[in-house]
Amino acid sequence: MACPGRVSSALRKVKGVTSVEVSFAKKSATVLGERRLCASSGQQDLLQALRKAGYSGKVLSAKTSRKQVNGPPQSSRLPHFYFPR
């Protein structure tokens, strides 16, 4: 599996992740998912998944957005990571 695929696959395995966008050229990934992912414990889960895939990383930003999805508003979190090899 190519490197971006390994990063994406590793992050998708973390509980609460619904979407992952990886830019290997920028060495970054953006994660969309449950609210808990922006909490310190959720960020640590994501960073641990990166480490298991063979990458180090750090959180660049963690933003909260609220969006309507066919019903009551649902919270989404967008952790953004930098992952140098």
Protein backbone atom coordinates (compact mmCIF):
# COMPACT_ATOMS: atom_id res chain seq x y z
CA MET A 1 0.00 0.00 0.00
CA ALA A 2 1.34 3.46 -0.87
CA CYS A 3 2.29 5.81 1.96
CA PRO A 4 -0.81 8.05 1.75
CA GLY A 5 -2.94 4.92 1.80
CA ARG A 6 -1.19 3.64 4.92
CA VAL A 7 -1.75 6.94 6.71
CA SER A 8 -5.39 7.13 5.65
CA SER A 9 -6.05 3.49 6.55
CA ALA A 10 -4.44 3.88 9.98
CA LEU A 11 -6.43 7.02 10.83
CA ARG A 12 -9.73 5.52 9.60
CA LYS A 13 -9.35 2.70 12.12
CA VAL A 14 -9.63 5.14 15.05
CA LYS A 15 -13.05 5.06 16.69
CA GLY A 16 -15.20 8.00 15.59
CA VAL A 17 -13.36 8.82 12.34
CA THR A 18 -15.72 9.19 9.38
CA SER A 19 -13.42 10.70 6.75
CA VAL A 20 -9.70 11.26 6.18
CA GLU A 21 -8.03 13.46 3.56
CA VAL A 22 -4.29 12.97 3.16
CA SER A 23 -1.90 15.25 1.28
CA PHE A 24 1.40 13.46 1.13
CA ALA A 25 2.98 16.40 -0.73
CA LYS A 26 2.14 18.66 2.24
CA LYS A 27 2.71 15.82 4.73
CA SER A 28 -0.64 16.51 6.32
CA ALA A 29 -3.97 14.87 6.99
CA THR A 30 -7.38 16.24 7.89
CA VAL A 31 -9.75 14.02 9.85
CA LEU A 32 -13.54 14.39 10.05
CA GLY A 33 -15.51 12.57 12.69
CA GLU A 34 -16.99 12.61 16.15
CA ARG A 35 -16.57 15.42 18.63
CA ARG A 36 -14.23 13.39 20.86
CA LEU A 37 -11.46 13.53 18.25
CA CYS A 38 -10.56 17.12 19.22
CA ALA A 39 -10.24 16.24 22.88
CA SER A 40 -6.76 15.42 24.09
CA SER A 41 -7.55 11.70 24.35
CA GLY A 42 -8.97 11.59 20.80
CA GLN A 43 -5.93 13.38 19.43
CA GLN A 44 -3.68 10.91 21.23
CA ASP A 45 -5.61 8.01 19.66
CA LEU A 46 -5.03 9.51 16.20
CA LEU A 47 -1.34 10.17 16.87
CA GLN A 48 -0.91 6.62 18.16
CA ALA A 49 -2.48 5.29 14.96
CA LEU A 50 0.03 7.34 12.94
CA ARG A 51 2.90 5.93 15.00
CA LYS A 52 1.69 2.37 14.44
CA ALA A 53 1.72 3.08 10.69
CA GLY A 54 5.36 4.18 10.98
CA TYR A 55 4.91 7.96 11.08
CA SER A 56 5.44 10.60 13.71
CA GLY A 57 3.00 13.47 13.84
CA LYS A 58 1.61 16.47 15.64
CA VAL A 59 -1.74 18.21 15.71
CA LEU A 60 -1.66 21.46 13.77
CA SER A 61 -5.18 22.54 14.64
CA ALA A 62 -8.44 21.12 15.95
CA LYS A 63 -11.65 22.90 14.98
CA THR A 64 -15.26 22.21 15.77
CA SER A 65 -18.02 22.68 13.25
CA ARG A 66 -21.71 21.96 13.48
CA LYS A 67 -23.67 20.83 10.48
CA GLN A 68 -27.18 19.65 9.74
CA VAL A 69 -27.42 16.12 8.36
CA ASN A 70 -31.05 15.12 7.76
CA GLY A 71 -32.11 15.70 11.34
CA PRO A 72 -30.71 17.33 14.45
CA PRO A 73 -27.35 19.12 14.23
CA GLN A 74 -24.37 16.85 14.65
CA SER A 75 -20.96 17.95 15.89
CA SER A 76 -17.92 17.27 13.77
CA ARG A 77 -14.30 17.76 14.62
CA LEU A 78 -11.51 18.41 12.18
CA PRO A 79 -8.09 17.54 13.59
CA HIS A 80 -5.36 18.53 11.14
CA PHE A 81 -2.04 16.71 11.43
CA TYR A 82 1.51 17.07 10.19
CA PHE A 83 3.25 13.72 9.77
CA PRO A 84 6.94 13.79 8.87
CA ARG A 85 8.34 10.33 8.28
